[in-house]
Each structure stands twice: as C-alpha cells, then as structure tokens.
Amino acid sequence: MFDLVLLITLSVLVVGGLGLKNVTTTRKTRIDVVLVILSPPGFGKLVYGLSNLNAESGGIGSVAGWLPTAPGPFVC
C-alpha cells in the first residue's frame, strides 16, 4: 500500500514540477538566520503540544492540554 501511495505522490510531484512556470523575475535573497534557528524548537513545541491533546490531559477543552502548544507559534 505504501509503495502505491509513494508512486502516486512522486509522479504527481514530477508532473506538477514540470508544469510550473516562473512568472516573476528572480532576485538574490538572504537567509533569515534567526528564523532558521527558532523554527525547529517552535515547530517541535507545537507538535508536542498537539500530541498532548488527549483524554488523559483533559482533552481539547482543558488548559492543561493547550498549555504546551501555546509557546510554539510565538517562538518563531
């Protein structure tokens, strides 16, 4: 099953990539170092917080479930 999904995904990716056209002029950009450093911890905290939204922590309606999720988007 995974092989079939992988084959479909890769074929759609290749066909979509070949159909893309650049409609703007290209320009040099700088990498935002602060964003590169803060994005992994922010995303990690967001994923960890969302994984804690289960019945044991009180579910979606409890503060204990959402508390670890709150700092994630604000870190980056």
PDB file of N, CA and C in Angstrom:
ATOM      1  N   MET A   1       0.823  -1.192   0.000  1.00  0.00           N
ATOM      2  CA  MET A   1       0.000   0.000   0.000  1.00  0.00           C
ATOM      3  C   MET A   1       0.868   1.257   0.000  1.00  0.00           C
ATOM      4  N   PHE A   2       1.922   1.253   0.846  1.00  0.00           N
ATOM      5  CA  PHE A   2       2.807   2.407   0.903  1.00  0.00           C
ATOM      6  C   PHE A   2       3.488   2.640  -0.439  1.00  0.00           C
ATOM      7  N   ASP A   3       3.865   1.549  -1.120  1.00  0.00           N
ATOM      8  CA  ASP A   3       4.529   1.688  -2.417  1.00  0.00           C
ATOM      9  C   ASP A   3       3.623   2.357  -3.435  1.00  0.00           C
ATOM     10  N   LEU A   4       2.351   2.033  -3.406  1.00  0.00           N
ATOM     11  CA  LEU A   4       1.403   2.642  -4.341  1.00  0.00           C
ATOM     12  C   LEU A   4       1.239   4.127  -4.060  1.00  0.00           C
ATOM     13  N   VAL A   5       1.097   4.481  -2.798  1.00  0.00           N
ATOM     14  CA  VAL A   5       0.952   5.888  -2.428  1.00  0.00           C
ATOM     15  C   VAL A   5       2.224   6.657  -2.771  1.00  0.00           C
ATOM     16  N   LEU A   6       3.388   6.051  -2.526  1.00  0.00           N
ATOM     17  CA  LEU A   6       4.658   6.690  -2.854  1.00  0.00           C
ATOM     18  C   LEU A   6       4.794   6.908  -4.356  1.00  0.00           C
ATOM     19  N   LEU A   7       4.403   5.948  -5.159  1.00  0.00           N
ATOM     20  CA  LEU A   7       4.469   6.067  -6.607  1.00  0.00           C
ATOM     21  C   LEU A   7       3.549   7.186  -7.108  1.00  0.00           C
ATOM     22  N   ILE A   8       2.340   7.239  -6.595  1.00  0.00           N
ATOM     23  CA  ILE A   8       1.406   8.291  -6.997  1.00  0.00           C
ATOM     24  C   ILE A   8       1.927   9.661  -6.573  1.00  0.00           C
ATOM     25  N   THR A   9       2.452   9.759  -5.367  1.00  0.00           N
ATOM     26  CA  THR A   9       2.964  11.029  -4.862  1.00  0.00           C
ATOM     27  C   THR A   9       4.139  11.517  -5.692  1.00  0.00           C
ATOM     28  N   LEU A  10       5.071  10.652  -5.967  1.00  0.00           N
ATOM     29  CA  LEU A  10       6.230  11.054  -6.766  1.00  0.00           C
ATOM     30  C   LEU A  10       5.852  11.434  -8.183  1.00  0.00           C
ATOM     31  N   SER A  11       4.925  10.710  -8.786  1.00  0.00           N
ATOM     32  CA  SER A  11       4.512  11.045 -10.146  1.00  0.00           C
ATOM     33  C   SER A  11       3.777  12.381 -10.183  1.00  0.00           C
ATOM     34  N   VAL A  12       2.939  12.657  -9.204  1.00  0.00           N
ATOM     35  CA  VAL A  12       2.258  13.952  -9.149  1.00  0.00           C
ATOM     36  C   VAL A  12       3.265  15.068  -8.914  1.00  0.00           C
ATOM     37  N   LEU A  13       4.264  14.824  -8.089  1.00  0.00           N
ATOM     38  CA  LEU A  13       5.301  15.811  -7.825  1.00  0.00           C
ATOM     39  C   LEU A  13       6.095  16.133  -9.091  1.00  0.00           C
ATOM     40  N   VAL A  14       6.451  15.129  -9.850  1.00  0.00           N
ATOM     41  CA  VAL A  14       7.214  15.340 -11.084  1.00  0.00           C
ATOM     42  C   VAL A  14       6.365  16.058 -12.129  1.00  0.00           C
ATOM     43  N   VAL A  15       5.142  15.611 -12.325  1.00  0.00           N
ATOM     44  CA  VAL A  15       4.267  16.246 -13.315  1.00  0.00           C
ATOM     45  C   VAL A  15       3.963  17.685 -12.921  1.00  0.00           C
ATOM     46  N   GLY A  16       3.720  17.926 -11.646  1.00  0.00           N
ATOM     47  CA  GLY A  16       3.462  19.286 -11.186  1.00  0.00           C
ATOM     48  C   GLY A  16       4.678  20.181 -11.318  1.00  0.00           C
ATOM     49  N   GLY A  17       5.855  19.631 -11.021  1.00  0.00           N
ATOM     50  CA  GLY A  17       7.086  20.405 -11.145  1.00  0.00           C
ATOM     51  C   GLY A  17       7.395  20.775 -12.580  1.00  0.00           C
ATOM     52  N   LEU A  18       7.087  19.897 -13.507  1.00  0.00           N
ATOM     53  CA  LEU A  18       7.323  20.206 -14.916  1.00  0.00           C
ATOM     54  C   LEU A  18       6.343  21.251 -15.444  1.00  0.00           C
ATOM     55  N   GLY A  19       5.181  21.340 -14.836  1.00  0.00           N
ATOM     56  CA  GLY A  19       4.172  22.286 -15.291  1.00  0.00           C
ATOM     57  C   GLY A  19       4.313  23.679 -14.709  1.00  0.00           C
ATOM     58  N   LEU A  20       5.207  23.848 -13.737  1.00  0.00           N
ATOM     59  CA  LEU A  20       5.378  25.161 -13.121  1.00  0.00           C
ATOM     60  C   LEU A  20       6.172  26.097 -14.022  1.00  0.00           C
ATOM     61  N   LYS A  21       5.771  27.342 -14.055  1.00  0.00           N
ATOM     62  CA  LYS A  21       6.481  28.351 -14.818  1.00  0.00           C
ATOM     63  C   LYS A  21       6.812  29.514 -13.902  1.00  0.00           C
ATOM     64  N   ASN A  22       8.002  30.067 -14.054  1.00  0.00           N
ATOM     65  CA  ASN A  22       8.401  31.216 -13.272  1.00  0.00           C
ATOM     66  C   ASN A  22       7.818  32.468 -13.919  1.00  0.00           C
ATOM     67  N   VAL A  23       6.922  33.148 -13.215  1.00  0.00           N
ATOM     68  CA  VAL A  23       6.269  34.325 -13.778  1.00  0.00           C
ATOM     69  C   VAL A  23       6.841  35.621 -13.207  1.00  0.00           C
ATOM     70  N   THR A  24       7.821  35.513 -12.335  1.00  0.00           N
ATOM     71  CA  THR A  24       8.437  36.704 -11.755  1.00  0.00           C
ATOM     72  C   THR A  24       9.927  36.712 -12.071  1.00  0.00           C
ATOM     73  N   THR A  25      10.540  37.850 -11.837  1.00  0.00           N
ATOM     74  CA  THR A  25      11.984  37.928 -12.020  1.00  0.00           C
ATOM     75  C   THR A  25      12.672  37.397 -10.761  1.00  0.00           C
ATOM     76  N   THR A  26      13.757  36.700 -10.950  1.00  0.00           N
ATOM     77  CA  THR A  26      14.477  36.148  -9.819  1.00  0.00           C
ATOM     78  C   THR A  26      15.390  37.205  -9.217  1.00  0.00           C
ATOM     79  N   ARG A  27      15.595  37.109  -7.909  1.00  0.00           N
ATOM     80  CA  ARG A  27      16.483  38.041  -7.229  1.00  0.00           C
ATOM     81  C   ARG A  27      17.171  37.321  -6.087  1.00  0.00           C
ATOM     82  N   LYS A  28      18.304  37.849  -5.692  1.00  0.00           N
ATOM     83  CA  LYS A  28      19.053  37.256  -4.588  1.00  0.00           C
ATOM     84  C   LYS A  28      18.381  37.621  -3.273  1.00  0.00           C
ATOM     85  N   THR A  29      18.256  36.659  -2.384  1.00  0.00           N
ATOM     86  CA  THR A  29      17.695  36.899  -1.057  1.00  0.00           C
ATOM     87  C   THR A  29      18.649  36.336  -0.015  1.00  0.00           C
ATOM     88  N   ARG A  30      18.557  36.875   1.177  1.00  0.00           N
ATOM     89  CA  ARG A  30      19.368  36.391   2.279  1.00  0.00           C
ATOM     90  C   ARG A  30      18.566  35.412   3.130  1.00  0.00           C
ATOM     91  N   ILE A  31      19.261  34.502   3.769  1.00  0.00           N
ATOM     92  CA  ILE A  31      18.621  33.555   4.672  1.00  0.00           C
ATOM     93  C   ILE A  31      18.457  34.228   6.027  1.00  0.00           C
ATOM     94  N   ASP A  32      17.270  34.133   6.589  1.00  0.00           N
ATOM     95  CA  ASP A  32      16.997  34.690   7.908  1.00  0.00           C
ATOM     96  C   ASP A  32      17.500  33.690   8.954  1.00  0.00           C
ATOM     97  N   VAL A  33      18.662  33.989   9.524  1.00  0.00           N
ATOM     98  CA  VAL A  33      19.312  33.063  10.440  1.00  0.00           C
ATOM     99  C   VAL A  33      18.482  32.852  11.706  1.00  0.00           C
ATOM    100  N   VAL A  34      17.885  33.913  12.223  1.00  0.00           N
ATOM    101  CA  VAL A  34      17.083  33.794  13.442  1.00  0.00           C
ATOM    102  C   VAL A  34      15.903  32.856  13.199  1.00  0.00           C
ATOM    103  N   LEU A  35      15.263  32.976  12.056  1.00  0.00           N
ATOM    104  CA  LEU A  35      14.140  32.102  11.734  1.00  0.00           C
ATOM    105  C   LEU A  35      14.589  30.652  11.607  1.00  0.00           C
ATOM    106  N   VAL A  36      15.745  30.428  11.007  1.00  0.00           N
ATOM    107  CA  VAL A  36      16.251  29.060  10.851  1.00  0.00           C
ATOM    108  C   VAL A  36      16.552  28.444  12.213  1.00  0.00           C
ATOM    109  N   ILE A  37      17.044  29.253  13.153  1.00  0.00           N
ATOM    110  CA  ILE A  37      17.380  28.738  14.483  1.00  0.00           C
ATOM    111  C   ILE A  37      16.123  28.500  15.322  1.00  0.00           C
ATOM    112  N   LEU A  38      15.137  29.390  15.239  1.00  0.00           N
ATOM    113  CA  LEU A  38      13.962  29.295  16.108  1.00  0.00           C
ATOM    114  C   LEU A  38      12.828  28.425  15.558  1.00  0.00           C
ATOM    115  N   SER A  39      12.838  28.120  14.283  1.00  0.00           N
ATOM    116  CA  SER A  39      11.746  27.330  13.705  1.00  0.00           C
ATOM    117  C   SER A  39      11.671  25.897  14.224  1.00  0.00           C
ATOM    118  N   PRO A  40      12.775  25.155  14.292  1.00  0.00           N
ATOM    119  CA  PRO A  40      12.656  23.773  14.800  1.00  0.00           C
ATOM    120  C   PRO A  40      12.121  23.673  16.222  1.00  0.00           C
ATOM    121  N   PRO A  41      12.605  24.492  17.189  1.00  0.00           N
ATOM    122  CA  PRO A  41      12.009  24.379  18.528  1.00  0.00           C
ATOM    123  C   PRO A  41      10.541  24.800  18.554  1.00  0.00           C
ATOM    124  N   GLY A  42      10.190  25.820  17.784  1.00  0.00           N
ATOM    125  CA  GLY A  42       8.796  26.258  17.755  1.00  0.00           C
ATOM    126  C   GLY A  42       7.888  25.196  17.176  1.00  0.00           C
ATOM    127  N   PHE A  43       8.317  24.586  16.079  1.00  0.00           N
ATOM    128  CA  PHE A  43       7.512  23.529  15.473  1.00  0.00           C
ATOM    129  C   PHE A  43       7.457  22.311  16.380  1.00  0.00           C
ATOM    130  N   GLY A  44       8.577  22.001  17.017  1.00  0.00           N
ATOM    131  CA  GLY A  44       8.603  20.864  17.941  1.00  0.00           C
ATOM    132  C   GLY A  44       7.657  21.052  19.106  1.00  0.00           C
ATOM    133  N   LYS A  45       7.629  22.264  19.676  1.00  0.00           N
ATOM    134  CA  LYS A  45       6.709  22.535  20.790  1.00  0.00           C
ATOM    135  C   LYS A  45       5.259  22.482  20.326  1.00  0.00           C
ATOM    136  N   LEU A  46       5.006  22.946  19.120  1.00  0.00           N
ATOM    137  CA  LEU A  46       3.650  22.888  18.590  1.00  0.00           C
ATOM    138  C   LEU A  46       3.199  21.438  18.409  1.00  0.00           C
ATOM    139  N   VAL A  47       4.051  20.608  17.846  1.00  0.00           N
ATOM    140  CA  VAL A  47       3.712  19.193  17.647  1.00  0.00           C
ATOM    141  C   VAL A  47       3.559  18.480  18.988  1.00  0.00           C
ATOM    142  N   TYR A  48       4.476  18.774  19.935  1.00  0.00           N
ATOM    143  CA  TYR A  48       4.381  18.161  21.253  1.00  0.00           C
ATOM    144  C   TYR A  48       3.086  18.566  21.953  1.00  0.00           C
ATOM    145  N   GLY A  49       2.742  19.838  21.861  1.00  0.00           N
ATOM    146  CA  GLY A  49       1.518  20.303  22.493  1.00  0.00           C
ATOM    147  C   GLY A  49       0.274  19.676  21.881  1.00  0.00           C
ATOM    148  N   LEU A  50       0.256  19.562  20.558  1.00  0.00           N
ATOM    149  CA  LEU A  50      -0.902  18.939  19.908  1.00  0.00           C
ATOM    150  C   LEU A  50      -0.995  17.455  20.231  1.00  0.00           C
ATOM    151  N   SER A  51       0.152  16.819  20.437  1.00  0.00           N
ATOM    152  CA  SER A  51       0.107  15.400  20.787  1.00  0.00           C
ATOM    153  C   SER A  51      -0.400  15.196  22.214  1.00  0.00           C
ATOM    154  N   ASN A  52      -0.359  16.235  23.034  1.00  0.00           N
ATOM    155  CA  ASN A  52      -0.867  16.133  24.402  1.00  0.00           C
ATOM    156  C   ASN A  52      -2.377  16.351  24.499  1.00  0.00           C
ATOM    157  N   LEU A  53      -3.029  16.654  23.422  1.00  0.00           N
ATOM    158  CA  LEU A  53      -4.482  16.865  23.458  1.00  0.00           C
ATOM    159  C   LEU A  53      -5.193  15.518  23.400  1.00  0.00           C
ATOM    160  N   ASN A  54      -5.138  14.807  24.472  1.00  0.00           N
ATOM    161  CA  ASN A  54      -5.833  13.525  24.539  1.00  0.00           C
ATOM    162  C   ASN A  54      -6.712  13.507  25.781  1.00  0.00           C
ATOM    163  N   ALA A  55      -7.393  12.450  25.976  1.00  0.00           N
ATOM    164  CA  ALA A  55      -8.334  12.362  27.098  1.00  0.00           C
ATOM    165  C   ALA A  55      -7.633  12.379  28.451  1.00  0.00           C
ATOM    166  N   GLU A  56      -6.412  11.889  28.518  1.00  0.00           N
ATOM    167  CA  GLU A  56      -5.689  11.835  29.792  1.00  0.00           C
ATOM    168  C   GLU A  56      -5.346  13.226  30.314  1.00  0.00           C
ATOM    169  N   SER A  57      -5.106  14.168  29.403  1.00  0.00           N
ATOM    170  CA  SER A  57      -4.749  15.521  29.838  1.00  0.00           C
ATOM    171  C   SER A  57      -5.977  16.423  29.959  1.00  0.00           C
ATOM    172  N   GLY A  58      -7.128  15.872  29.769  1.00  0.00           N
ATOM    173  CA  GLY A  58      -8.347  16.659  29.902  1.00  0.00           C
ATOM    174  C   GLY A  58      -9.005  16.987  28.577  1.00  0.00           C
ATOM    175  N   GLY A  59      -8.381  16.620  27.480  1.00  0.00           N
ATOM    176  CA  GLY A  59      -8.979  16.819  26.168  1.00  0.00           C
ATOM    177  C   GLY A  59      -8.792  18.229  25.637  1.00  0.00           C
ATOM    178  N   ILE A  60      -9.519  18.522  24.588  1.00  0.00           N
ATOM    179  CA  ILE A  60      -9.370  19.790  23.876  1.00  0.00           C
ATOM    180  C   ILE A  60      -9.831  20.968  24.719  1.00  0.00           C
ATOM    181  N   GLY A  61     -10.781  20.775  25.576  1.00  0.00           N
ATOM    182  CA  GLY A  61     -11.318  21.881  26.354  1.00  0.00           C
ATOM    183  C   GLY A  61     -10.513  22.269  27.572  1.00  0.00           C
ATOM    184  N   SER A  62      -9.443  21.559  27.888  1.00  0.00           N
ATOM    185  CA  SER A  62      -8.703  21.863  29.111  1.00  0.00           C
ATOM    186  C   SER A  62      -7.482  22.734  28.829  1.00  0.00           C
ATOM    187  N   VAL A  63      -7.112  23.507  29.817  1.00  0.00           N
ATOM    188  CA  VAL A  63      -5.924  24.350  29.707  1.00  0.00           C
ATOM    189  C   VAL A  63      -4.669  23.485  29.719  1.00  0.00           C
ATOM    190  N   ALA A  64      -4.688  22.398  30.460  1.00  0.00           N
ATOM    191  CA  ALA A  64      -3.525  21.514  30.532  1.00  0.00           C
ATOM    192  C   ALA A  64      -3.201  20.901  29.175  1.00  0.00           C
ATOM    193  N   GLY A  65      -4.193  20.728  28.340  1.00  0.00           N
ATOM    194  CA  GLY A  65      -3.943  20.191  27.007  1.00  0.00           C
ATOM    195  C   GLY A  65      -3.359  21.219  26.060  1.00  0.00           C
ATOM    196  N   TRP A  66      -3.769  22.471  26.180  1.00  0.00           N
ATOM    197  CA  TRP A  66      -3.320  23.516  25.265  1.00  0.00           C
ATOM    198  C   TRP A  66      -2.079  24.255  25.745  1.00  0.00           C
ATOM    199  N   LEU A  67      -1.737  24.176  27.003  1.00  0.00           N
ATOM    200  CA  LEU A  67      -0.625  24.944  27.563  1.00  0.00           C
ATOM    201  C   LEU A  67       0.711  24.653  26.857  1.00  0.00           C
ATOM    202  N   PRO A  68       1.094  23.400  26.596  1.00  0.00           N
ATOM    203  CA  PRO A  68       2.360  23.189  25.893  1.00  0.00           C
ATOM    204  C   PRO A  68       2.333  23.658  24.440  1.00  0.00           C
ATOM    205  N   THR A  69       1.158  23.798  23.853  1.00  0.00           N
ATOM    206  CA  THR A  69       1.047  24.220  22.465  1.00  0.00           C
ATOM    207  C   THR A  69       1.218  25.714  22.300  1.00  0.00           C
ATOM    208  N   ALA A  70       0.864  26.485  23.308  1.00  0.00           N
ATOM    209  CA  ALA A  70       0.848  27.944  23.193  1.00  0.00           C
ATOM    210  C   ALA A  70       2.185  28.564  22.823  1.00  0.00           C
ATOM    211  N   PRO A  71       3.325  28.166  23.402  1.00  0.00           N
ATOM    212  CA  PRO A  71       4.569  28.847  23.049  1.00  0.00           C
ATOM    213  C   PRO A  71       5.071  28.531  21.648  1.00  0.00           C
ATOM    214  N   GLY A  72       4.624  27.438  21.048  1.00  0.00           N
ATOM    215  CA  GLY A  72       5.137  27.016  19.741  1.00  0.00           C
ATOM    216  C   GLY A  72       5.105  28.082  18.671  1.00  0.00           C
ATOM    217  N   PRO A  73       3.960  28.653  18.336  1.00  0.00           N
ATOM    218  CA  PRO A  73       3.926  29.651  17.271  1.00  0.00           C
ATOM    219  C   PRO A  73       4.631  30.950  17.646  1.00  0.00           C
ATOM    220  N   PHE A  74       4.772  31.233  18.936  1.00  0.00           N
ATOM    221  CA  PHE A  74       5.359  32.504  19.343  1.00  0.00           C
ATOM    222  C   PHE A  74       6.882  32.444  19.412  1.00  0.00           C
ATOM    223  N   VAL A  75       7.448  31.240  19.340  1.00  0.00           N
ATOM    224  CA  VAL A  75       8.903  31.131  19.386  1.00  0.00           C
ATOM    225  C   VAL A  75       9.504  31.624  18.075  1.00  0.00           C
ATOM    226  N   CYS A  76       8.852  31.300  16.962  1.00  0.00           N
ATOM    227  CA  CYS A  76       9.410  31.718  15.679  1.00  0.00           C
ATOM    228  C   CYS A  76       8.588  32.777  15.058  1.00  0.00           C
TER     229      CYS A  76
END
